[in-house]
Amino acid sequence: MQLTEGGRARGGVATAAGPGVAAGGSGAPGCSTAVRWQLLLEPQGRSGPENMAVDVALLERADRMGEAFLRLYRFDPPCLSLGRNEAADGYDRAAIARRGVHVVRRPTGGSSVWHEHELTYAACAPIAAFGSLRQAYRAIHQRLLTALRLLSADVALAPDRPTARPPVRPSACFSQPVGGEVLVRTRKLVGSAQMRRGGAFLQHGSILLDGSQEIITAVSRKPHAASGATTLSVELGRRVTWDEVADALVRAWGDDVTLAAPCRPLPPSAAFFSDPAWTWRR
C-alpha cells in the first residue's frame, strides 16, 4: 500500500483525490444506531509503525466492505508521533537520537503527541453512518465522554470554534483544545485526529492516563506553548489503568460492539511507516 499526499486542508476537513485525507474538527453530535462495531482489544502494545499500519488497514476494510471497527491499543515502545503535515525540521534529530526516542509520522493531521501512559483508540466506519466527517468526530467524542464519566471524570466537550490551520512548525497536540474534544474544565484529556479514504473515516487519538507531554519540548528546536493537558490519574486522584478505561469504553459502546480478533498478520504498510523518508519528509 502506498499513501500519497491527499491535497490541501482548509480548516479541519480536507478534500482530495488521494487515498487518505487528514482532518480534525468538530460537528453536531449524532451517531447511527445501525453501526455494528467490531472490537479489537490490544493491551500488549505495538510499535508506532505497526500501530499506524493496522489503523490504515482497518480504514481500508471500512471503505471496501462497509465495516466498522473500534480498536483499543497502546504503544510499545513509547513513541512520538508527528501529524501528517507537520513540519519535521523543527525537531532536533540529534536530541531525539540521544534520548532514544522512537518517532512515527501519522497518516492523520494535527500536531505531535507523546504516546506512553495512555490508552489509544481508533474508530473506523463508513462516513454515511454519521452524516459527515465533522458529525463523526463529535459523535465519537461523545462516546468517549460517556466512558470517562463512567469513571467519575468531570469531562465536557470543547465548544465549537474555527479550526486552526495545519501547523507549519512543531506544536504539541495537547497545547490547546479544538471544538468537540474532551476537556476537564479547560484542560485537554483526549487528543484526536481524523482522515478519510473514499467513503470511510479513521479517527484515532490518545486518552491520557498519566505522565506528561514534556518530552516534545525537550526534542524541539523552538519553544512550545504551555501544555494544556491533564491526565485521568491527576483528575481522579488515583492511578488509572489501561484495562479499566478500556472496560469503560466498551460499556459506553454498549450492545453495538462484537469482539473480534486482533489484526494478523501485520499489514505490509508497516514498512512504509518505518521509512525515514516518510517520517522526516517535511
Protein backbone atom coordinates (compact mmCIF):
# COMPACT_ATOMS: atom_id res chain seq x y z
CA MET A 1 0.00 0.00 0.00
CA GLN A 2 1.24 3.49 -0.79
CA LEU A 3 -0.02 6.60 0.88
CA THR A 4 0.04 9.80 -1.12
CA GLU A 5 -0.36 13.42 -0.15
CA GLY A 6 -4.07 13.95 -0.21
CA GLY A 7 -4.29 17.64 -1.05
CA ARG A 8 -4.60 20.85 0.90
CA ALA A 9 -6.69 21.01 4.01
CA ARG A 10 -8.86 24.01 4.64
CA GLY A 11 -9.86 24.36 8.22
CA GLY A 12 -10.36 20.96 9.82
CA VAL A 13 -11.65 18.87 6.94
CA ALA A 14 -9.63 18.33 3.78
CA THR A 15 -10.71 17.37 0.30
CA ALA A 16 -8.55 15.35 -2.02
CA ALA A 17 -8.30 12.60 -4.59
CA GLY A 18 -5.67 10.68 -2.67
CA PRO A 19 -6.33 7.61 -0.54
CA GLY A 20 -6.11 9.39 2.80
CA VAL A 21 -7.01 12.90 3.81
CA ALA A 22 -6.14 14.40 7.14
CA ALA A 23 -8.86 16.14 9.08
CA GLY A 24 -9.53 17.36 12.57
CA GLY A 25 -12.59 19.29 13.55
CA SER A 26 -15.96 19.06 15.11
CA GLY A 27 -19.59 19.00 14.22
CA ALA A 28 -23.06 18.35 15.51
CA PRO A 29 -23.45 15.23 17.62
CA GLY A 30 -25.10 12.22 16.09
CA CYS A 31 -24.48 8.53 15.57
CA SER A 32 -26.39 5.97 13.59
CA THR A 33 -27.65 3.13 15.76
CA ALA A 34 -27.27 0.87 12.71
CA VAL A 35 -23.48 0.84 13.09
CA ARG A 36 -22.21 -2.53 14.31
CA TRP A 37 -18.69 -2.18 15.65
CA GLN A 38 -16.07 -4.92 15.66
CA LEU A 39 -13.97 -4.53 18.82
CA LEU A 40 -10.20 -5.14 18.76
CA LEU A 41 -8.58 -5.14 22.22
CA GLU A 42 -4.76 -4.95 22.12
CA PRO A 43 -3.34 -4.32 25.62
CA GLN A 44 0.05 -5.82 24.76
CA GLY A 45 1.16 -2.86 22.60
CA ARG A 46 2.85 -2.43 19.22
CA SER A 47 5.46 -0.12 17.74
CA GLY A 48 4.46 3.19 16.17
CA PRO A 49 4.76 1.99 12.54
CA GLU A 50 2.84 -1.19 13.34
CA ASN A 51 0.02 0.74 15.02
CA MET A 52 -0.32 3.16 12.12
CA ALA A 53 -0.32 0.28 9.63
CA VAL A 54 -3.09 -1.55 11.50
CA ASP A 55 -5.23 1.59 11.73
CA VAL A 56 -4.90 2.22 7.98
CA ALA A 57 -5.67 -1.43 7.20
CA LEU A 58 -8.91 -1.15 9.21
CA LEU A 59 -9.76 2.06 7.37
CA GLU A 60 -9.29 0.26 4.06
CA ARG A 61 -11.65 -2.51 5.18
CA ALA A 62 -14.21 0.04 6.34
CA ASP A 63 -14.08 1.68 2.91
CA ARG A 64 -14.08 -1.57 0.92
CA MET A 65 -16.52 -3.64 2.98
CA GLY A 66 -18.61 -1.06 4.84
CA GLU A 67 -17.49 -2.48 8.20
CA ALA A 68 -16.94 -0.53 11.43
CA PHE A 69 -14.10 -1.09 13.92
CA LEU A 70 -13.26 0.12 17.40
CA ARG A 71 -9.63 -0.64 18.26
CA LEU A 72 -8.20 -0.04 21.75
CA TYR A 73 -4.41 -0.29 21.95
CA ARG A 74 -1.13 1.13 23.25
CA PHE A 75 2.40 1.91 22.03
CA ASP A 76 5.35 -0.30 22.94
CA PRO A 77 7.96 1.13 22.95
CA PRO A 78 6.74 4.65 23.78
CA CYS A 79 6.70 6.81 20.68
CA LEU A 80 6.50 10.40 19.46
CA SER A 81 4.00 10.73 16.61
CA LEU A 82 4.04 13.66 14.19
CA GLY A 83 0.98 14.87 12.33
CA ARG A 84 0.83 14.08 8.62
CA ASN A 85 1.50 17.67 7.52
CA GLU A 86 3.58 18.79 10.49
CA ALA A 87 6.98 20.36 9.75
CA ALA A 88 9.75 17.97 10.81
CA ASP A 89 12.62 20.48 10.66
CA GLY A 90 11.56 21.98 13.98
CA TYR A 91 12.60 18.81 15.80
CA ASP A 92 16.16 18.21 16.97
CA ARG A 93 17.01 14.83 15.50
CA ALA A 94 20.28 14.68 17.43
CA ALA A 95 18.39 15.14 20.71
CA ILE A 96 15.90 12.52 19.60
CA ALA A 97 18.75 10.07 18.90
CA ARG A 98 20.48 10.82 22.23
CA ARG A 99 17.29 10.12 24.15
CA GLY A 100 16.47 7.02 22.11
CA VAL A 101 13.06 8.43 21.20
CA HIS A 102 11.07 6.42 18.66
CA VAL A 103 9.27 8.59 16.07
CA VAL A 104 6.49 7.84 13.59
CA ARG A 105 4.51 10.12 11.29
CA ARG A 106 0.79 9.54 11.45
CA PRO A 107 -1.43 9.32 8.36
CA THR A 108 -3.76 11.80 10.11
CA GLY A 109 -3.35 15.53 10.61
CA GLY A 110 -2.82 17.55 13.74
CA SER A 111 0.24 18.03 15.91
CA SER A 112 2.74 15.90 17.80
CA VAL A 113 1.79 13.50 20.60
CA TRP A 114 3.95 11.57 23.06
CA HIS A 115 2.44 8.08 23.39
CA GLU A 116 3.39 6.44 26.68
CA HIS A 117 0.96 6.46 29.62
CA GLU A 118 -2.26 6.39 27.63
CA LEU A 119 -4.97 4.33 26.04
CA THR A 120 -5.06 4.86 22.29
CA TYR A 121 -8.30 4.36 20.42
CA ALA A 122 -9.09 4.07 16.72
CA ALA A 123 -12.58 4.17 15.19
CA CYS A 124 -13.11 3.30 11.52
CA ALA A 125 -16.53 3.33 9.89
CA PRO A 126 -18.48 4.48 6.82
CA ILE A 127 -18.96 8.25 6.84
CA ALA A 128 -22.60 7.86 5.77
CA ALA A 129 -23.43 6.26 9.12
CA PHE A 130 -22.79 9.64 10.77
CA GLY A 131 -23.66 12.11 8.01
CA SER A 132 -20.31 13.87 7.72
CA LEU A 133 -16.74 13.79 9.00
CA ARG A 134 -17.48 16.56 11.48
CA GLN A 135 -20.53 14.76 12.82
CA ALA A 136 -18.49 11.57 13.16
CA TYR A 137 -15.75 13.46 15.02
CA ARG A 138 -18.17 14.78 17.58
CA ALA A 139 -20.17 11.55 17.89
CA ILE A 140 -17.06 9.51 18.67
CA HIS A 141 -16.02 12.06 21.28
CA GLN A 142 -19.49 11.91 22.79
CA ARG A 143 -18.99 8.19 23.38
CA LEU A 144 -15.54 8.83 24.86
CA LEU A 145 -17.19 11.39 27.13
CA THR A 146 -19.73 8.81 28.29
CA ALA A 147 -16.97 6.31 29.06
CA LEU A 148 -14.91 8.80 31.05
CA ARG A 149 -17.94 9.85 33.07
CA LEU A 150 -18.42 6.19 34.00
CA LEU A 151 -15.02 6.54 35.69
CA SER A 152 -16.29 9.68 37.52
CA ALA A 153 -14.21 12.10 35.42
CA ASP A 154 -15.73 15.60 35.27
CA VAL A 155 -15.48 15.93 31.49
CA ALA A 156 -17.18 18.01 28.82
CA LEU A 157 -16.83 18.65 25.09
CA ALA A 158 -14.97 21.75 23.97
CA PRO A 159 -17.26 24.31 22.29
CA ASP A 160 -17.14 24.61 18.53
CA ARG A 161 -14.69 27.15 17.17
CA PRO A 162 -12.88 27.79 13.89
CA THR A 163 -10.34 25.04 13.31
CA ALA A 164 -6.72 26.12 13.28
CA ARG A 165 -4.63 25.83 10.13
CA PRO A 166 -2.27 22.85 9.95
CA PRO A 167 0.90 23.62 11.97
CA VAL A 168 3.88 24.88 10.00
CA ARG A 169 6.24 24.35 12.94
CA PRO A 170 6.22 21.89 15.85
CA SER A 171 3.13 22.19 18.01
CA ALA A 172 2.02 19.72 20.66
CA CYS A 173 -1.46 18.29 20.14
CA PHE A 174 -2.31 18.83 23.82
CA SER A 175 -1.29 22.50 23.88
CA GLN A 176 -4.82 23.68 23.04
CA PRO A 177 -8.27 22.14 22.53
CA VAL A 178 -10.25 22.04 19.30
CA GLY A 179 -14.04 22.19 19.17
CA GLY A 180 -15.66 18.88 20.10
CA GLU A 181 -12.68 17.46 22.01
CA VAL A 182 -12.85 16.13 25.56
CA LEU A 183 -11.85 18.53 28.34
CA VAL A 184 -11.69 18.65 32.12
CA ARG A 185 -12.59 22.29 32.68
CA THR A 186 -10.15 23.97 30.22
CA ARG A 187 -7.55 21.20 30.17
CA LYS A 188 -7.36 18.64 27.38
CA LEU A 189 -7.71 14.96 28.29
CA VAL A 190 -8.10 13.43 24.82
CA GLY A 191 -6.29 14.37 21.62
CA SER A 192 -7.70 13.09 18.32
CA ALA A 193 -7.16 13.32 14.56
CA GLN A 194 -9.10 12.09 11.58
CA MET A 195 -8.63 11.06 7.95
CA ARG A 196 -10.84 9.91 5.12
CA ARG A 197 -10.47 7.24 2.48
CA GLY A 198 -13.25 7.05 -0.07
CA GLY A 199 -16.49 6.63 1.86
CA ALA A 200 -14.93 5.78 5.23
CA PHE A 201 -13.05 7.56 8.00
CA LEU A 202 -10.39 6.77 10.56
CA GLN A 203 -10.40 8.69 13.83
CA HIS A 204 -7.74 7.84 16.36
CA GLY A 205 -6.50 9.52 19.48
CA SER A 206 -4.90 9.38 22.92
CA ILE A 207 -6.65 9.27 26.27
CA LEU A 208 -4.00 10.38 28.77
CA LEU A 209 -3.80 8.15 31.83
CA ASP A 210 -0.66 9.56 33.47
CA GLY A 211 2.72 11.16 32.71
CA SER A 212 3.23 14.29 30.62
CA GLN A 213 3.90 15.58 27.12
CA GLU A 214 7.05 17.43 28.15
CA ILE A 215 9.39 15.33 26.03
CA ILE A 216 8.01 17.10 22.95
CA THR A 217 9.51 20.38 24.17
CA ALA A 218 12.77 18.63 25.05
CA VAL A 219 13.32 17.46 21.46
CA SER A 220 12.04 20.59 19.70
CA ARG A 221 14.20 23.38 18.31
CA LYS A 222 11.69 26.09 19.26
CA PRO A 223 9.64 26.69 22.40
CA HIS A 224 6.12 25.34 22.59
CA ALA A 225 3.04 26.84 24.13
CA ALA A 226 2.49 25.72 27.70
CA SER A 227 0.87 22.31 27.89
CA GLY A 228 -2.89 22.34 28.21
CA ALA A 229 -3.02 18.64 29.02
CA THR A 230 -4.25 16.79 32.06
CA THR A 231 -4.46 13.07 32.86
CA LEU A 232 -7.06 10.78 34.34
CA SER A 233 -4.78 9.91 37.24
CA VAL A 234 -4.39 13.60 38.15
CA GLU A 235 -8.10 14.34 37.82
CA LEU A 236 -9.30 11.27 39.75
CA GLY A 237 -6.53 11.39 42.35
CA ARG A 238 -5.54 7.79 41.87
CA ARG A 239 -3.73 5.52 39.42
CA VAL A 240 -5.96 4.70 36.46
CA THR A 241 -5.18 1.58 34.46
CA TRP A 242 -5.47 0.82 30.75
CA ASP A 243 -7.82 -2.07 31.49
CA GLU A 244 -10.37 -0.04 33.40
CA VAL A 245 -10.53 2.66 30.74
CA ALA A 246 -10.90 0.00 28.04
CA ASP A 247 -13.73 -1.56 30.05
CA ALA A 248 -15.47 1.82 30.35
CA LEU A 249 -15.18 2.41 26.60
CA VAL A 250 -16.70 -0.99 25.83
CA ARG A 251 -19.54 -0.21 28.22
CA ALA A 252 -20.09 3.16 26.53
CA TRP A 253 -20.34 1.50 23.12
CA GLY A 254 -22.90 -0.88 24.65
CA ASP A 255 -24.57 -3.58 22.56
CA ASP A 256 -23.14 -2.11 19.35
CA VAL A 257 -19.82 -4.00 19.68
CA THR A 258 -18.74 -7.57 18.94
CA LEU A 259 -15.30 -8.82 19.97
CA ALA A 260 -13.01 -9.54 17.02
CA ALA A 261 -9.50 -10.97 16.68
CA PRO A 262 -6.54 -8.54 16.51
CA CYS A 263 -5.15 -7.80 13.07
CA ARG A 264 -2.85 -10.65 11.94
CA PRO A 265 -0.57 -10.85 10.07
CA LEU A 266 0.95 -7.39 10.28
CA PRO A 267 -0.10 -5.21 7.31
CA PRO A 268 2.74 -4.66 4.80
CA SER A 269 2.38 -0.88 5.16
CA ALA A 270 4.30 -1.15 8.47
CA ALA A 271 7.43 -0.88 6.30
CA PHE A 272 6.08 2.35 4.82
CA PHE A 273 5.53 3.92 8.24
CA SER A 274 9.03 2.78 9.32
CA ASP A 275 10.67 4.55 6.37
CA PRO A 276 12.59 7.72 7.38
CA ALA A 277 11.62 9.21 4.01
CA TRP A 278 8.02 9.29 5.27
CA THR A 279 8.80 10.21 8.88
CA TRP A 280 11.03 13.18 8.02
CA ARG A 281 9.52 14.13 4.67
CA ARG A 282 8.52 17.71 5.52
